[in-house]
Amino acid sequence: MTTQPPATVHTFTQRLSPTPRGARLARHLALNQLHAWGIPHDSDTSDTVAAIVAELAANAVTHGRVPGRDFELRLSLVTGSVRIEVTDTHSGPRPPGPGAVRKPLPLAESGRGLVIVEALADRWEVLDREPPPGKTIRAEVDVPPWSAHFHGAPSVR
């Protein structure tokens, strides 16, 4: 009988103000955390996660903003992937999930955020916030095995 080594999970969580500055800070914090976990700046994984965080944070600020309530960024380095979760407390209609996102009209000024997430993420979903009200959008980006060799990062195989 062979046993697998325990899965190492590293998590980073930060509450941010629902402002454009908070959205920019979410992207910056995500890049720094990935680097600390051994996923170098300017790698494909880092660039992909940064783009997804930027879109989800911008959506939280634009569509999920509730005055006086922050949004939350959570990153997890789990076996084989980086999990991104952005949670807000807005109780409005849920955004469309995977496969149901419509492309905006060519001259539309908005509506591309989830199209970008759907194109970049290996997996994603929309979940009800626990506890309600609100929602969490969770996306995952697969991490190549080579990334575990940088900066003494944990194994992500």
C-alpha atoms as a PDB file:
ATOM      1  CA  MET A   1       0.000   0.000   0.000  1.00  0.00           C
ATOM      2  CA  THR A   2       1.403   3.400  -0.937  1.00  0.00           C
ATOM      3  CA  THR A   3       0.358   6.566   0.752  1.00  0.00           C
ATOM      4  CA  GLN A   4       0.415   9.998  -0.766  1.00  0.00           C
ATOM      5  CA  PRO A   5       2.096  12.824   1.107  1.00  0.00           C
ATOM      6  CA  PRO A   6      -0.372  15.157   2.774  1.00  0.00           C
ATOM      7  CA  ALA A   7      -1.569  17.995   0.578  1.00  0.00           C
ATOM      8  CA  THR A   8      -0.037  21.271   1.630  1.00  0.00           C
ATOM      9  CA  VAL A   9      -2.428  24.184   1.508  1.00  0.00           C
ATOM     10  CA  HIS A  10      -1.280  27.743   1.954  1.00  0.00           C
ATOM     11  CA  THR A  11      -3.897  30.466   2.297  1.00  0.00           C
ATOM     12  CA  PHE A  12      -3.850  34.248   2.133  1.00  0.00           C
ATOM     13  CA  THR A  13      -6.951  36.281   3.035  1.00  0.00           C
ATOM     14  CA  GLN A  14      -7.412  40.041   2.980  1.00  0.00           C
ATOM     15  CA  ARG A  15     -10.466  42.275   3.322  1.00  0.00           C
ATOM     16  CA  LEU A  16     -10.303  45.328   1.092  1.00  0.00           C
ATOM     17  CA  SER A  17     -12.280  48.522   0.666  1.00  0.00           C
ATOM     18  CA  PRO A  18     -14.784  48.398  -2.210  1.00  0.00           C
ATOM     19  CA  THR A  19     -13.007  51.145  -4.131  1.00  0.00           C
ATOM     20  CA  PRO A  20     -10.826  51.257  -7.247  1.00  0.00           C
ATOM     21  CA  ARG A  21      -7.843  51.539  -4.901  1.00  0.00           C
ATOM     22  CA  GLY A  22      -8.958  48.366  -3.089  1.00  0.00           C
ATOM     23  CA  ALA A  23      -9.216  46.537  -6.415  1.00  0.00           C
ATOM     24  CA  ARG A  24      -5.695  47.622  -7.443  1.00  0.00           C
ATOM     25  CA  LEU A  25      -4.372  46.591  -4.038  1.00  0.00           C
ATOM     26  CA  ALA A  26      -5.955  43.128  -4.426  1.00  0.00           C
ATOM     27  CA  ARG A  27      -3.974  42.542  -7.629  1.00  0.00           C
ATOM     28  CA  HIS A  28      -0.754  43.828  -6.046  1.00  0.00           C
ATOM     29  CA  LEU A  29      -1.192  41.657  -2.933  1.00  0.00           C
ATOM     30  CA  ALA A  30      -1.941  38.599  -5.078  1.00  0.00           C
ATOM     31  CA  LEU A  31       1.257  39.041  -7.101  1.00  0.00           C
ATOM     32  CA  ASN A  32       3.349  39.448  -3.951  1.00  0.00           C
ATOM     33  CA  GLN A  33       1.767  36.417  -2.298  1.00  0.00           C
ATOM     34  CA  LEU A  34       2.344  34.234  -5.347  1.00  0.00           C
ATOM     35  CA  HIS A  35       5.983  35.322  -5.385  1.00  0.00           C
ATOM     36  CA  ALA A  36       6.287  34.414  -1.683  1.00  0.00           C
ATOM     37  CA  TRP A  37       4.870  30.969  -2.528  1.00  0.00           C
ATOM     38  CA  GLY A  38       7.499  30.474  -5.229  1.00  0.00           C
ATOM     39  CA  ILE A  39       5.512  31.501  -8.292  1.00  0.00           C
ATOM     40  CA  PRO A  40       7.718  34.204  -9.803  1.00  0.00           C
ATOM     41  CA  HIS A  41       6.558  37.557 -11.115  1.00  0.00           C
ATOM     42  CA  ASP A  42       6.015  37.579 -14.896  1.00  0.00           C
ATOM     43  CA  SER A  43       5.433  33.821 -15.084  1.00  0.00           C
ATOM     44  CA  ASP A  44       2.390  32.652 -17.029  1.00  0.00           C
ATOM     45  CA  THR A  45       0.736  31.514 -13.799  1.00  0.00           C
ATOM     46  CA  SER A  46       1.395  34.818 -12.036  1.00  0.00           C
ATOM     47  CA  ASP A  47       0.135  36.862 -14.988  1.00  0.00           C
ATOM     48  CA  THR A  48      -3.012  34.738 -15.290  1.00  0.00           C
ATOM     49  CA  VAL A  49      -3.830  34.916 -11.576  1.00  0.00           C
ATOM     50  CA  ALA A  50      -3.196  38.691 -11.578  1.00  0.00           C
ATOM     51  CA  ALA A  51      -5.598  39.198 -14.497  1.00  0.00           C
ATOM     52  CA  ILE A  52      -8.315  37.092 -12.833  1.00  0.00           C
ATOM     53  CA  VAL A  53      -7.894  38.872  -9.485  1.00  0.00           C
ATOM     54  CA  ALA A  54      -8.049  42.251 -11.245  1.00  0.00           C
ATOM     55  CA  GLU A  55     -11.297  41.352 -13.025  1.00  0.00           C
ATOM     56  CA  LEU A  56     -12.989  39.798  -9.988  1.00  0.00           C
ATOM     57  CA  ALA A  57     -11.936  42.649  -7.695  1.00  0.00           C
ATOM     58  CA  ALA A  58     -13.158  45.225 -10.228  1.00  0.00           C
ATOM     59  CA  ASN A  59     -16.490  43.368 -10.404  1.00  0.00           C
ATOM     60  CA  ALA A  60     -16.744  43.318  -6.609  1.00  0.00           C
ATOM     61  CA  VAL A  61     -16.148  47.074  -6.524  1.00  0.00           C
ATOM     62  CA  THR A  62     -18.447  47.880  -9.457  1.00  0.00           C
ATOM     63  CA  HIS A  63     -21.301  45.392  -9.095  1.00  0.00           C
ATOM     64  CA  GLY A  64     -20.974  43.989  -5.573  1.00  0.00           C
ATOM     65  CA  ARG A  65     -20.350  47.148  -3.606  1.00  0.00           C
ATOM     66  CA  VAL A  66     -22.396  47.649  -0.452  1.00  0.00           C
ATOM     67  CA  PRO A  67     -21.627  50.911   1.370  1.00  0.00           C
ATOM     68  CA  GLY A  68     -19.723  50.243   4.566  1.00  0.00           C
ATOM     69  CA  ARG A  69     -18.858  46.649   3.675  1.00  0.00           C
ATOM     70  CA  ASP A  70     -15.553  45.370   2.353  1.00  0.00           C
ATOM     71  CA  PHE A  71     -14.921  42.660  -0.190  1.00  0.00           C
ATOM     72  CA  GLU A  72     -12.598  39.756   0.522  1.00  0.00           C
ATOM     73  CA  LEU A  73      -9.755  38.288  -1.493  1.00  0.00           C
ATOM     74  CA  ARG A  74      -8.671  34.756  -0.639  1.00  0.00           C
ATOM     75  CA  LEU A  75      -5.845  32.923  -2.379  1.00  0.00           C
ATOM     76  CA  SER A  76      -5.030  29.305  -1.711  1.00  0.00           C
ATOM     77  CA  LEU A  77      -2.097  27.323  -3.006  1.00  0.00           C
ATOM     78  CA  VAL A  78      -3.463  23.808  -3.128  1.00  0.00           C
ATOM     79  CA  THR A  79      -2.047  20.705  -4.736  1.00  0.00           C
ATOM     80  CA  GLY A  80      -1.727  21.533  -8.423  1.00  0.00           C
ATOM     81  CA  SER A  81      -3.399  24.930  -8.536  1.00  0.00           C
ATOM     82  CA  VAL A  82      -3.909  28.427  -7.214  1.00  0.00           C
ATOM     83  CA  ARG A  83      -7.475  29.046  -6.043  1.00  0.00           C
ATOM     84  CA  ILE A  84      -8.764  32.618  -6.192  1.00  0.00           C
ATOM     85  CA  GLU A  85     -11.898  33.633  -4.297  1.00  0.00           C
ATOM     86  CA  VAL A  86     -13.425  37.092  -4.276  1.00  0.00           C
ATOM     87  CA  THR A  87     -16.422  37.558  -2.003  1.00  0.00           C
ATOM     88  CA  ASP A  88     -18.765  40.516  -1.697  1.00  0.00           C
ATOM     89  CA  THR A  89     -21.920  41.108   0.357  1.00  0.00           C
ATOM     90  CA  HIS A  90     -24.244  42.383  -2.385  1.00  0.00           C
ATOM     91  CA  SER A  91     -27.581  40.580  -2.373  1.00  0.00           C
ATOM     92  CA  GLY A  92     -28.539  41.428  -5.968  1.00  0.00           C
ATOM     93  CA  PRO A  93     -28.885  38.942  -8.792  1.00  0.00           C
ATOM     94  CA  ARG A  94     -26.151  36.348  -9.134  1.00  0.00           C
ATOM     95  CA  PRO A  95     -23.850  36.719 -12.098  1.00  0.00           C
ATOM     96  CA  PRO A  96     -23.947  33.990 -14.733  1.00  0.00           C
ATOM     97  CA  GLY A  97     -21.800  30.945 -14.101  1.00  0.00           C
ATOM     98  CA  PRO A  98     -19.450  28.996 -16.351  1.00  0.00           C
ATOM     99  CA  GLY A  99     -20.811  28.497 -19.849  1.00  0.00           C
ATOM    100  CA  ALA A 100     -23.585  31.072 -19.380  1.00  0.00           C
ATOM    101  CA  VAL A 101     -21.506  34.249 -19.727  1.00  0.00           C
ATOM    102  CA  ARG A 102     -22.516  36.285 -22.760  1.00  0.00           C
ATOM    103  CA  LYS A 103     -19.984  38.231 -24.750  1.00  0.00           C
ATOM    104  CA  PRO A 104     -20.718  41.956 -24.696  1.00  0.00           C
ATOM    105  CA  LEU A 105     -21.503  43.904 -27.833  1.00  0.00           C
ATOM    106  CA  PRO A 106     -18.311  45.121 -29.564  1.00  0.00           C
ATOM    107  CA  LEU A 107     -18.769  48.779 -28.503  1.00  0.00           C
ATOM    108  CA  ALA A 108     -20.052  48.061 -24.982  1.00  0.00           C
ATOM    109  CA  GLU A 109     -18.094  49.818 -22.245  1.00  0.00           C
ATOM    110  CA  SER A 110     -18.413  46.975 -19.746  1.00  0.00           C
ATOM    111  CA  GLY A 111     -19.310  43.314 -19.475  1.00  0.00           C
ATOM    112  CA  ARG A 112     -15.975  41.684 -20.239  1.00  0.00           C
ATOM    113  CA  GLY A 113     -14.849  40.708 -16.725  1.00  0.00           C
ATOM    114  CA  LEU A 114     -16.379  37.245 -16.514  1.00  0.00           C
ATOM    115  CA  VAL A 115     -15.619  36.628 -20.201  1.00  0.00           C
ATOM    116  CA  ILE A 116     -11.951  37.123 -19.298  1.00  0.00           C
ATOM    117  CA  VAL A 117     -12.238  34.917 -16.200  1.00  0.00           C
ATOM    118  CA  GLU A 118     -13.884  32.182 -18.252  1.00  0.00           C
ATOM    119  CA  ALA A 119     -11.118  32.385 -20.865  1.00  0.00           C
ATOM    120  CA  LEU A 120      -8.224  32.348 -18.383  1.00  0.00           C
ATOM    121  CA  ALA A 121      -9.315  30.113 -15.495  1.00  0.00           C
ATOM    122  CA  ASP A 122      -8.968  26.352 -15.697  1.00  0.00           C
ATOM    123  CA  ARG A 123     -12.116  26.097 -13.558  1.00  0.00           C
ATOM    124  CA  TRP A 124     -14.465  28.643 -12.001  1.00  0.00           C
ATOM    125  CA  GLU A 125     -17.848  28.895 -10.294  1.00  0.00           C
ATOM    126  CA  VAL A 126     -20.237  31.259  -8.551  1.00  0.00           C
ATOM    127  CA  LEU A 127     -21.187  30.346  -4.975  1.00  0.00           C
ATOM    128  CA  ASP A 128     -23.539  31.806  -2.408  1.00  0.00           C
ATOM    129  CA  ARG A 129     -21.649  33.587   0.366  1.00  0.00           C
ATOM    130  CA  GLU A 130     -21.595  31.840   3.709  1.00  0.00           C
ATOM    131  CA  PRO A 131     -23.090  33.434   5.711  1.00  0.00           C
ATOM    132  CA  PRO A 132     -25.478  35.305   3.383  1.00  0.00           C
ATOM    133  CA  PRO A 133     -25.930  37.807   1.843  1.00  0.00           C
ATOM    134  CA  GLY A 134     -23.560  37.925  -1.080  1.00  0.00           C
ATOM    135  CA  LYS A 135     -21.598  35.710  -3.400  1.00  0.00           C
ATOM    136  CA  THR A 136     -18.148  34.280  -3.940  1.00  0.00           C
ATOM    137  CA  ILE A 137     -16.606  33.818  -7.335  1.00  0.00           C
ATOM    138  CA  ARG A 138     -13.996  31.088  -7.200  1.00  0.00           C
ATOM    139  CA  ALA A 139     -11.506  30.455  -9.984  1.00  0.00           C
ATOM    140  CA  GLU A 140      -8.596  28.048 -10.216  1.00  0.00           C
ATOM    141  CA  VAL A 141      -5.427  28.250 -12.271  1.00  0.00           C
ATOM    142  CA  ASP A 142      -3.361  25.110 -12.646  1.00  0.00           C
ATOM    143  CA  VAL A 143       0.255  25.434 -11.549  1.00  0.00           C
ATOM    144  CA  PRO A 144       2.986  23.758 -13.600  1.00  0.00           C
ATOM    145  CA  PRO A 145       5.129  21.315 -11.587  1.00  0.00           C
ATOM    146  CA  TRP A 146       8.318  23.338 -12.248  1.00  0.00           C
ATOM    147  CA  SER A 147       7.078  26.181 -10.037  1.00  0.00           C
ATOM    148  CA  ALA A 148       7.741  24.159  -6.879  1.00  0.00           C
ATOM    149  CA  HIS A 149      11.480  24.590  -7.445  1.00  0.00           C
ATOM    150  CA  PHE A 150      11.524  28.371  -6.958  1.00  0.00           C
ATOM    151  CA  HIS A 151      12.296  29.989  -3.606  1.00  0.00           C
ATOM    152  CA  GLY A 152      11.784  26.860  -1.552  1.00  0.00           C
ATOM    153  CA  ALA A 153       8.086  26.808  -2.341  1.00  0.00           C
ATOM    154  CA  PRO A 154       5.970  23.943  -1.104  1.00  0.00           C
ATOM    155  CA  SER A 155       5.409  21.079  -3.474  1.00  0.00           C
ATOM    156  CA  VAL A 156       2.460  21.774  -5.743  1.00  0.00           C
ATOM    157  CA  ARG A 157       2.405  18.515  -7.675  1.00  0.00           C
END
